[in-house]
Amino acid sequence: MKSTVSFFSFSLFVYYGITLLLFIGTFPATAIDVYTPPEMFVENGTTEILKCTFKSNQVISSAASVSWSFVPEGSSSSGITIFYFSGGKGYPGDLPQFKERVSWAGDLNKKDASIKLTKLQFSDNGTYTCDVKNPPDITGVSSSTQLKVVLKEALPQSNVGVIVGAVTGSLLLLVLIAFITCLVIQRRNSQHDYEGCTSMESVSSQATRTVKKADSSLEGSRCSSPSGPLQGPVIYAQLDHSGTKSQNYFHKMEPVVYADIRKN
């Protein structure tokens, strides 16, 4: 009887143990993600902020910490810590190269772990690595930035500068095209106005010549025709001035125009 109870208890223990392991295995392990730009070009002698941001599934606690390390360009040695931040305070490293030139520029509450470098010099060329811990998020991969300190003339143009330059050039080209188009249109309009004036003058002269020709034709017709209306046949009659009716009396007669029939 006791052996049966013991076997049952052991079986129950194994069952719950396996169930608990499976339950825990369904939750992924928490990790922190760190992000930095892969490459940065800065001008010699200037001040620059090395950007570093992160994502954490946990609330930012007072135990969160940030560590920045540096590997000189061309070196195969391990990174040397140049700055450490924890508990709201920053702690510069002991490397003489960065003495009094490294300071905190981030805000952990905003998940920003950036630092600031002043008076950058060519010896600062190298790889800068940002590592963030936010317990219980303590696992994850750090992120690195390749810093290149160059002269001002060697700085690459930013995308914003290229875009602004392209837009400005396009606008200037459009203005130039519009100006040339306006000049061409004005020139064509002036030519049309001149041609219109010449055409009207020719039409006016032609009309004048036509009128003069008509007048000359009229005058010619007038000259070729009689100056007055055509005269028709004239009928003559004789008038008696004696006042007598005798047939034997000689009367003095004179021809008189009795009627004038004119042809219109």
C-alpha atoms as a PDB file:
ATOM      1  CA  MET A   1       0.000   0.000   0.000  1.00  0.00           C
ATOM      2  CA  LYS A   2       2.756   2.372   0.919  1.00  0.00           C
ATOM      3  CA  SER A   3       4.663   1.551  -2.232  1.00  0.00           C
ATOM      4  CA  THR A   4       1.626   2.349  -4.323  1.00  0.00           C
ATOM      5  CA  VAL A   5       1.179   5.760  -2.636  1.00  0.00           C
ATOM      6  CA  SER A   6       4.856   6.569  -3.059  1.00  0.00           C
ATOM      7  CA  PHE A   7       4.778   5.693  -6.758  1.00  0.00           C
ATOM      8  CA  PHE A   8       1.681   7.859  -7.239  1.00  0.00           C
ATOM      9  CA  SER A   9       3.313  10.791  -5.435  1.00  0.00           C
ATOM     10  CA  PHE A  10       6.467  10.441  -7.516  1.00  0.00           C
ATOM     11  CA  SER A  11       4.484  10.320 -10.728  1.00  0.00           C
ATOM     12  CA  LEU A  12       2.538  13.429  -9.715  1.00  0.00           C
ATOM     13  CA  PHE A  13       5.774  15.268  -8.885  1.00  0.00           C
ATOM     14  CA  VAL A  14       7.291  14.408 -12.251  1.00  0.00           C
ATOM     15  CA  TYR A  15       4.144  15.507 -14.083  1.00  0.00           C
ATOM     16  CA  TYR A  16       4.026  18.912 -12.385  1.00  0.00           C
ATOM     17  CA  GLY A  17       7.745  19.378 -12.859  1.00  0.00           C
ATOM     18  CA  ILE A  18       7.568  18.741 -16.583  1.00  0.00           C
ATOM     19  CA  THR A  19       4.519  21.023 -16.870  1.00  0.00           C
ATOM     20  CA  LEU A  20       6.367  23.813 -15.063  1.00  0.00           C
ATOM     21  CA  LEU A  21       9.400  23.494 -17.330  1.00  0.00           C
ATOM     22  CA  LEU A  22       7.234  23.608 -20.419  1.00  0.00           C
ATOM     23  CA  PHE A  23       5.375  26.653 -19.076  1.00  0.00           C
ATOM     24  CA  ILE A  24       8.596  28.528 -18.401  1.00  0.00           C
ATOM     25  CA  GLY A  25       9.990  27.577 -21.788  1.00  0.00           C
ATOM     26  CA  THR A  26       7.134  29.280 -23.588  1.00  0.00           C
ATOM     27  CA  PHE A  27       8.341  32.745 -22.453  1.00  0.00           C
ATOM     28  CA  PRO A  28      11.316  34.139 -24.370  1.00  0.00           C
ATOM     29  CA  ALA A  29      14.302  35.362 -22.424  1.00  0.00           C
ATOM     30  CA  THR A  30      14.297  39.139 -22.019  1.00  0.00           C
ATOM     31  CA  ALA A  31      17.049  41.030 -23.874  1.00  0.00           C
ATOM     32  CA  ILE A  32      18.054  44.608 -24.531  1.00  0.00           C
ATOM     33  CA  ASP A  33      18.630  45.980 -28.043  1.00  0.00           C
ATOM     34  CA  VAL A  34      21.259  48.672 -28.615  1.00  0.00           C
ATOM     35  CA  TYR A  35      21.513  50.872 -31.732  1.00  0.00           C
ATOM     36  CA  THR A  36      24.303  53.159 -33.015  1.00  0.00           C
ATOM     37  CA  PRO A  37      25.081  54.601 -36.491  1.00  0.00           C
ATOM     38  CA  PRO A  38      27.554  52.331 -38.283  1.00  0.00           C
ATOM     39  CA  GLU A  39      29.814  55.185 -39.406  1.00  0.00           C
ATOM     40  CA  MET A  40      30.348  58.860 -38.639  1.00  0.00           C
ATOM     41  CA  PHE A  41      32.455  61.545 -40.355  1.00  0.00           C
ATOM     42  CA  VAL A  42      33.342  64.577 -38.237  1.00  0.00           C
ATOM     43  CA  GLU A  43      35.488  67.645 -38.791  1.00  0.00           C
ATOM     44  CA  ASN A  44      38.787  67.947 -37.008  1.00  0.00           C
ATOM     45  CA  GLY A  45      38.659  70.235 -33.951  1.00  0.00           C
ATOM     46  CA  THR A  46      34.860  70.192 -33.593  1.00  0.00           C
ATOM     47  CA  THR A  47      32.473  68.724 -31.008  1.00  0.00           C
ATOM     48  CA  GLU A  48      30.316  65.729 -31.843  1.00  0.00           C
ATOM     49  CA  ILE A  49      27.741  63.551 -30.082  1.00  0.00           C
ATOM     50  CA  LEU A  50      28.125  59.809 -30.439  1.00  0.00           C
ATOM     51  CA  LYS A  51      24.528  58.597 -30.662  1.00  0.00           C
ATOM     52  CA  CYS A  52      23.352  55.454 -28.880  1.00  0.00           C
ATOM     53  CA  THR A  53      19.759  54.364 -28.250  1.00  0.00           C
ATOM     54  CA  PHE A  54      18.270  51.169 -26.865  1.00  0.00           C
ATOM     55  CA  LYS A  55      15.053  49.226 -26.350  1.00  0.00           C
ATOM     56  CA  SER A  56      14.195  47.392 -23.162  1.00  0.00           C
ATOM     57  CA  ASN A  57      11.147  45.403 -22.084  1.00  0.00           C
ATOM     58  CA  GLN A  58      11.699  46.505 -18.497  1.00  0.00           C
ATOM     59  CA  VAL A  59      11.111  49.826 -16.783  1.00  0.00           C
ATOM     60  CA  ILE A  60      14.293  51.849 -16.576  1.00  0.00           C
ATOM     61  CA  SER A  61      15.616  51.376 -13.062  1.00  0.00           C
ATOM     62  CA  SER A  62      18.315  53.084 -11.025  1.00  0.00           C
ATOM     63  CA  ALA A  63      20.495  50.023 -11.651  1.00  0.00           C
ATOM     64  CA  ALA A  64      20.635  50.692 -15.411  1.00  0.00           C
ATOM     65  CA  SER A  65      24.148  51.348 -16.678  1.00  0.00           C
ATOM     66  CA  VAL A  66      25.949  52.419 -19.851  1.00  0.00           C
ATOM     67  CA  SER A  67      29.509  51.634 -20.855  1.00  0.00           C
ATOM     68  CA  TRP A  68      31.466  53.146 -23.775  1.00  0.00           C
ATOM     69  CA  SER A  69      34.721  51.587 -24.981  1.00  0.00           C
ATOM     70  CA  PHE A  70      37.260  52.613 -27.622  1.00  0.00           C
ATOM     71  CA  VAL A  71      39.538  50.691 -30.004  1.00  0.00           C
ATOM     72  CA  PRO A  72      42.020  52.836 -31.976  1.00  0.00           C
ATOM     73  CA  GLU A  73      41.983  52.576 -35.761  1.00  0.00           C
ATOM     74  CA  GLY A  74      44.145  49.733 -36.999  1.00  0.00           C
ATOM     75  CA  SER A  75      44.436  48.150 -33.538  1.00  0.00           C
ATOM     76  CA  SER A  76      43.427  44.581 -32.731  1.00  0.00           C
ATOM     77  CA  SER A  77      43.396  45.063 -28.966  1.00  0.00           C
ATOM     78  CA  SER A  78      40.300  44.806 -26.824  1.00  0.00           C
ATOM     79  CA  GLY A  79      38.253  47.898 -26.119  1.00  0.00           C
ATOM     80  CA  ILE A  80      39.285  50.369 -23.418  1.00  0.00           C
ATOM     81  CA  THR A  81      36.503  51.912 -21.356  1.00  0.00           C
ATOM     82  CA  ILE A  82      36.430  55.668 -21.834  1.00  0.00           C
ATOM     83  CA  PHE A  83      33.121  56.428 -20.058  1.00  0.00           C
ATOM     84  CA  TYR A  84      30.750  54.722 -17.643  1.00  0.00           C
ATOM     85  CA  PHE A  85      27.313  55.907 -16.496  1.00  0.00           C
ATOM     86  CA  SER A  86      25.238  54.471 -13.626  1.00  0.00           C
ATOM     87  CA  GLY A  87      22.952  55.732 -10.889  1.00  0.00           C
ATOM     88  CA  GLY A  88      22.557  59.091 -12.588  1.00  0.00           C
ATOM     89  CA  LYS A  89      26.294  59.822 -12.580  1.00  0.00           C
ATOM     90  CA  GLY A  90      28.995  59.722 -15.235  1.00  0.00           C
ATOM     91  CA  TYR A  91      32.491  58.363 -14.736  1.00  0.00           C
ATOM     92  CA  PRO A  92      35.161  59.193 -17.361  1.00  0.00           C
ATOM     93  CA  GLY A  93      37.809  56.558 -18.044  1.00  0.00           C
ATOM     94  CA  ASP A  94      41.502  56.782 -17.259  1.00  0.00           C
ATOM     95  CA  LEU A  95      42.693  57.013 -20.855  1.00  0.00           C
ATOM     96  CA  PRO A  96      44.733  60.247 -21.095  1.00  0.00           C
ATOM     97  CA  GLN A  97      43.693  60.765 -24.694  1.00  0.00           C
ATOM     98  CA  PHE A  98      40.083  61.527 -23.664  1.00  0.00           C
ATOM     99  CA  LYS A  99      40.782  63.324 -20.399  1.00  0.00           C
ATOM    100  CA  GLU A 100      38.215  66.101 -19.863  1.00  0.00           C
ATOM    101  CA  ARG A 101      36.903  65.600 -23.390  1.00  0.00           C
ATOM    102  CA  VAL A 102      34.161  63.027 -22.752  1.00  0.00           C
ATOM    103  CA  SER A 103      30.834  63.832 -21.065  1.00  0.00           C
ATOM    104  CA  TRP A 104      27.318  62.401 -20.717  1.00  0.00           C
ATOM    105  CA  ALA A 105      24.789  63.584 -23.353  1.00  0.00           C
ATOM    106  CA  GLY A 106      21.982  61.030 -22.989  1.00  0.00           C
ATOM    107  CA  ASP A 107      18.808  60.431 -20.986  1.00  0.00           C
ATOM    108  CA  LEU A 108      18.057  56.879 -19.840  1.00  0.00           C
ATOM    109  CA  ASN A 109      14.378  57.675 -19.282  1.00  0.00           C
ATOM    110  CA  LYS A 110      14.200  58.452 -22.995  1.00  0.00           C
ATOM    111  CA  LYS A 111      16.344  55.382 -23.758  1.00  0.00           C
ATOM    112  CA  ASP A 112      19.205  57.553 -24.948  1.00  0.00           C
ATOM    113  CA  ALA A 113      22.766  56.568 -23.991  1.00  0.00           C
ATOM    114  CA  SER A 114      24.774  59.078 -26.040  1.00  0.00           C
ATOM    115  CA  ILE A 115      28.046  60.747 -25.059  1.00  0.00           C
ATOM    116  CA  LYS A 116      29.760  63.938 -26.256  1.00  0.00           C
ATOM    117  CA  LEU A 117      33.335  64.266 -27.490  1.00  0.00           C
ATOM    118  CA  THR A 118      34.999  67.697 -27.680  1.00  0.00           C
ATOM    119  CA  LYS A 119      38.023  68.933 -29.628  1.00  0.00           C
ATOM    120  CA  LEU A 120      38.085  65.914 -31.877  1.00  0.00           C
ATOM    121  CA  GLN A 121      41.469  65.039 -33.375  1.00  0.00           C
ATOM    122  CA  PHE A 122      42.807  62.560 -35.892  1.00  0.00           C
ATOM    123  CA  SER A 123      44.014  60.248 -33.122  1.00  0.00           C
ATOM    124  CA  ASP A 124      40.355  59.759 -32.126  1.00  0.00           C
ATOM    125  CA  ASN A 125      39.745  57.690 -35.246  1.00  0.00           C
ATOM    126  CA  GLY A 126      38.602  54.212 -34.320  1.00  0.00           C
ATOM    127  CA  THR A 127      35.691  52.088 -33.140  1.00  0.00           C
ATOM    128  CA  TYR A 128      33.404  53.229 -30.297  1.00  0.00           C
ATOM    129  CA  THR A 129      31.170  50.592 -28.692  1.00  0.00           C
ATOM    130  CA  CYS A 130      28.032  51.287 -26.627  1.00  0.00           C
ATOM    131  CA  ASP A 131      26.807  48.661 -24.138  1.00  0.00           C
ATOM    132  CA  VAL A 132      23.619  49.116 -22.060  1.00  0.00           C
ATOM    133  CA  LYS A 133      22.351  47.054 -19.096  1.00  0.00           C
ATOM    134  CA  ASN A 134      18.928  47.444 -17.520  1.00  0.00           C
ATOM    135  CA  PRO A 135      18.397  44.641 -15.004  1.00  0.00           C
ATOM    136  CA  PRO A 136      16.790  42.227 -15.451  1.00  0.00           C
ATOM    137  CA  ASP A 137      17.558  43.036 -19.152  1.00  0.00           C
ATOM    138  CA  ILE A 138      21.254  42.248 -19.001  1.00  0.00           C
ATOM    139  CA  THR A 139      21.599  40.118 -22.111  1.00  0.00           C
ATOM    140  CA  GLY A 140      21.931  41.480 -25.596  1.00  0.00           C
ATOM    141  CA  VAL A 141      24.499  42.602 -28.096  1.00  0.00           C
ATOM    142  CA  SER A 142      26.350  45.907 -27.889  1.00  0.00           C
ATOM    143  CA  SER A 143      26.545  48.248 -30.902  1.00  0.00           C
ATOM    144  CA  SER A 144      29.573  49.983 -32.435  1.00  0.00           C
ATOM    145  CA  THR A 145      30.280  53.146 -34.457  1.00  0.00           C
ATOM    146  CA  GLN A 146      33.249  53.714 -36.740  1.00  0.00           C
ATOM    147  CA  LEU A 147      34.412  57.308 -36.173  1.00  0.00           C
ATOM    148  CA  LYS A 148      36.476  59.107 -38.824  1.00  0.00           C
ATOM    149  CA  VAL A 149      37.933  62.539 -38.084  1.00  0.00           C
ATOM    150  CA  VAL A 150      38.747  64.379 -41.329  1.00  0.00           C
ATOM    151  CA  LEU A 151      39.380  67.864 -42.667  1.00  0.00           C
ATOM    152  CA  LYS A 152      36.423  70.030 -43.540  1.00  0.00           C
ATOM    153  CA  GLU A 153      37.094  69.646 -47.257  1.00  0.00           C
ATOM    154  CA  ALA A 154      36.881  65.869 -46.970  1.00  0.00           C
ATOM    155  CA  LEU A 155      33.499  65.797 -45.254  1.00  0.00           C
ATOM    156  CA  PRO A 156      30.891  63.951 -47.348  1.00  0.00           C
ATOM    157  CA  GLN A 157      27.773  65.868 -48.242  1.00  0.00           C
ATOM    158  CA  SER A 158      24.759  64.910 -46.228  1.00  0.00           C
ATOM    159  CA  ASN A 159      21.586  63.689 -47.900  1.00  0.00           C
ATOM    160  CA  VAL A 160      19.808  66.832 -46.753  1.00  0.00           C
ATOM    161  CA  GLY A 161      22.399  69.018 -48.455  1.00  0.00           C
ATOM    162  CA  VAL A 162      22.168  67.039 -51.668  1.00  0.00           C
ATOM    163  CA  ILE A 163      18.365  67.223 -51.655  1.00  0.00           C
ATOM    164  CA  VAL A 164      18.356  70.967 -50.933  1.00  0.00           C
ATOM    165  CA  GLY A 165      20.903  71.570 -53.698  1.00  0.00           C
ATOM    166  CA  ALA A 166      18.911  69.518 -56.186  1.00  0.00           C
ATOM    167  CA  VAL A 167      15.652  71.307 -55.336  1.00  0.00           C
ATOM    168  CA  THR A 168      17.324  74.736 -55.550  1.00  0.00           C
ATOM    169  CA  GLY A 169      18.880  73.901 -58.912  1.00  0.00           C
ATOM    170  CA  SER A 170      15.551  72.662 -60.250  1.00  0.00           C
ATOM    171  CA  LEU A 171      13.774  75.842 -59.150  1.00  0.00           C
ATOM    172  CA  LEU A 172      16.421  78.033 -60.776  1.00  0.00           C
ATOM    173  CA  LEU A 173      16.127  76.029 -63.985  1.00  0.00           C
ATOM    174  CA  LEU A 174      12.339  76.442 -63.999  1.00  0.00           C
ATOM    175  CA  VAL A 175      12.668  80.192 -63.441  1.00  0.00           C
ATOM    176  CA  LEU A 176      15.154  80.437 -66.319  1.00  0.00           C
ATOM    177  CA  ILE A 177      12.883  78.448 -68.644  1.00  0.00           C
ATOM    178  CA  ALA A 178       9.895  80.631 -67.702  1.00  0.00           C
ATOM    179  CA  PHE A 179      11.924  83.809 -68.332  1.00  0.00           C
ATOM    180  CA  ILE A 180      13.078  82.621 -71.764  1.00  0.00           C
ATOM    181  CA  THR A 181       9.518  81.576 -72.653  1.00  0.00           C
ATOM    182  CA  CYS A 182       8.186  85.032 -71.739  1.00  0.00           C
ATOM    183  CA  LEU A 183      10.820  86.700 -73.910  1.00  0.00           C
ATOM    184  CA  VAL A 184       9.941  84.493 -76.891  1.00  0.00           C
ATOM    185  CA  ILE A 185       6.210  85.170 -76.473  1.00  0.00           C
ATOM    186  CA  GLN A 186       6.758  88.934 -76.236  1.00  0.00           C
ATOM    187  CA  ARG A 187       8.951  88.877 -79.322  1.00  0.00           C
ATOM    188  CA  ARG A 188       6.351  86.952 -81.316  1.00  0.00           C
ATOM    189  CA  ASN A 189       3.576  89.329 -80.193  1.00  0.00           C
ATOM    190  CA  SER A 190       5.613  92.353 -81.276  1.00  0.00           C
ATOM    191  CA  GLN A 191       6.213  90.763 -84.697  1.00  0.00           C
ATOM    192  CA  HIS A 192       2.497  90.062 -85.080  1.00  0.00           C
ATOM    193  CA  ASP A 193       1.661  93.676 -84.187  1.00  0.00           C
ATOM    194  CA  TYR A 194       4.124  94.964 -86.826  1.00  0.00           C
ATOM    195  CA  GLU A 195       2.758  92.620 -89.470  1.00  0.00           C
ATOM    196  CA  GLY A 196      -0.775  93.727 -88.585  1.00  0.00           C
ATOM    197  CA  CYS A 197       0.128  97.397 -89.039  1.00  0.00           C
ATOM    198  CA  THR A 198       1.789  96.681 -92.411  1.00  0.00           C
ATOM    199  CA  SER A 199      -1.238  94.724 -93.572  1.00  0.00           C
ATOM    200  CA  MET A 200      -3.627  97.508 -92.580  1.00  0.00           C
ATOM    201  CA  GLU A 201      -1.474 100.083 -94.333  1.00  0.00           C
ATOM    202  CA  SER A 202      -1.456  98.003 -97.531  1.00  0.00           C
ATOM    203  CA  VAL A 203      -5.213  97.480 -97.291  1.00  0.00           C
ATOM    204  CA  SER A 204      -5.706 101.198 -96.716  1.00  0.00           C
ATOM    205  CA  SER A 205      -3.515 102.078 -99.679  1.00  0.00           C
ATOM    206  CA  GLN A 206      -5.325  99.549-101.846  1.00  0.00           C
ATOM    207  CA  ALA A 207      -8.664 100.988-100.758  1.00  0.00           C
ATOM    208  CA  THR A 208      -7.404 104.492-101.522  1.00  0.00           C
ATOM    209  CA  ARG A 209      -6.211 103.391-104.928  1.00  0.00           C
ATOM    210  CA  THR A 210      -9.581 101.714-105.560  1.00  0.00           C
ATOM    211  CA  VAL A 211     -11.470 104.869-104.601  1.00  0.00           C
ATOM    212  CA  LYS A 212      -9.233 107.000-106.741  1.00  0.00           C
ATOM    213  CA  LYS A 213      -9.664 104.608-109.634  1.00  0.00           C
ATOM    214  CA  ALA A 214     -13.430 104.708-109.201  1.00  0.00           C
ATOM    215  CA  ASP A 215     -13.347 108.504-109.086  1.00  0.00           C
ATOM    216  CA  SER A 216     -11.189 108.664-112.189  1.00  0.00           C
ATOM    217  CA  SER A 217     -13.503 106.262-113.976  1.00  0.00           C
ATOM    218  CA  LEU A 218     -16.464 108.390-112.999  1.00  0.00           C
ATOM    219  CA  GLU A 219     -14.763 111.514-114.165  1.00  0.00           C
ATOM    220  CA  GLY A 220     -13.888 109.836-117.465  1.00  0.00           C
ATOM    221  CA  SER A 221     -17.446 108.809-117.988  1.00  0.00           C
ATOM    222  CA  ARG A 222     -18.563 112.329-117.246  1.00  0.00           C
ATOM    223  CA  CYS A 223     -16.120 113.764-119.759  1.00  0.00           C
ATOM    224  CA  SER A 224     -17.108 111.338-122.437  1.00  0.00           C
ATOM    225  CA  SER A 225     -20.813 112.039-121.949  1.00  0.00           C
ATOM    226  CA  PRO A 226     -22.516 115.361-122.819  1.00  0.00           C
ATOM    227  CA  SER A 227     -22.272 118.098-120.227  1.00  0.00           C
ATOM    228  CA  GLY A 228     -26.050 118.435-120.129  1.00  0.00           C
ATOM    229  CA  PRO A 229     -29.069 116.269-120.743  1.00  0.00           C
ATOM    230  CA  LEU A 230     -29.726 115.069-124.262  1.00  0.00           C
ATOM    231  CA  GLN A 231     -31.816 117.580-126.235  1.00  0.00           C
ATOM    232  CA  GLY A 232     -34.833 116.261-128.044  1.00  0.00           C
ATOM    233  CA  PRO A 233     -36.493 117.641-131.213  1.00  0.00           C
ATOM    234  CA  VAL A 234     -37.575 121.257-131.092  1.00  0.00           C
ATOM    235  CA  ILE A 235     -41.058 122.264-132.391  1.00  0.00           C
ATOM    236  CA  TYR A 236     -41.326 125.764-133.928  1.00  0.00           C
ATOM    237  CA  ALA A 237     -44.448 127.958-134.319  1.00  0.00           C
ATOM    238  CA  GLN A 238     -45.192 131.361-135.809  1.00  0.00           C
ATOM    239  CA  LEU A 239     -46.855 134.180-133.840  1.00  0.00           C
ATOM    240  CA  ASP A 240     -49.149 136.813-135.359  1.00  0.00           C
ATOM    241  CA  HIS A 241     -48.582 140.330-133.972  1.00  0.00           C
ATOM    242  CA  SER A 242     -51.129 142.235-136.199  1.00  0.00           C
ATOM    243  CA  GLY A 243     -54.179 141.372-134.225  1.00  0.00           C
ATOM    244  CA  THR A 244     -56.326 140.999-137.425  1.00  0.00           C
ATOM    245  CA  LYS A 245     -58.059 138.051-138.745  1.00  0.00           C
ATOM    246  CA  SER A 246     -58.065 138.997-142.419  1.00  0.00           C
ATOM    247  CA  GLN A 247     -56.665 136.443-144.668  1.00  0.00           C
ATOM    248  CA  ASN A 248     -55.534 138.974-147.267  1.00  0.00           C
ATOM    249  CA  TYR A 249     -53.426 141.000-144.871  1.00  0.00           C
ATOM    250  CA  PHE A 250     -49.761 140.272-144.855  1.00  0.00           C
ATOM    251  CA  HIS A 251     -48.643 139.480-141.453  1.00  0.00           C
ATOM    252  CA  LYS A 252     -45.187 139.751-140.006  1.00  0.00           C
ATOM    253  CA  MET A 253     -44.338 136.431-138.714  1.00  0.00           C
ATOM    254  CA  GLU A 254     -41.384 135.248-136.535  1.00  0.00           C
ATOM    255  CA  PRO A 255     -40.433 131.819-135.575  1.00  0.00           C
ATOM    256  CA  VAL A 256     -40.804 131.017-131.878  1.00  0.00           C
ATOM    257  CA  VAL A 257     -39.944 127.932-130.022  1.00  0.00           C
ATOM    258  CA  TYR A 258     -43.207 126.454-128.984  1.00  0.00           C
ATOM    259  CA  ALA A 259     -42.106 123.458-127.075  1.00  0.00           C
ATOM    260  CA  ASP A 260     -38.818 121.798-126.075  1.00  0.00           C
ATOM    261  CA  ILE A 261     -39.009 118.086-125.526  1.00  0.00           C
ATOM    262  CA  ARG A 262     -35.927 116.889-123.770  1.00  0.00           C
ATOM    263  CA  LYS A 263     -34.830 113.329-123.351  1.00  0.00           C
ATOM    264  CA  ASN A 264     -33.965 112.450-119.841  1.00  0.00           C
END
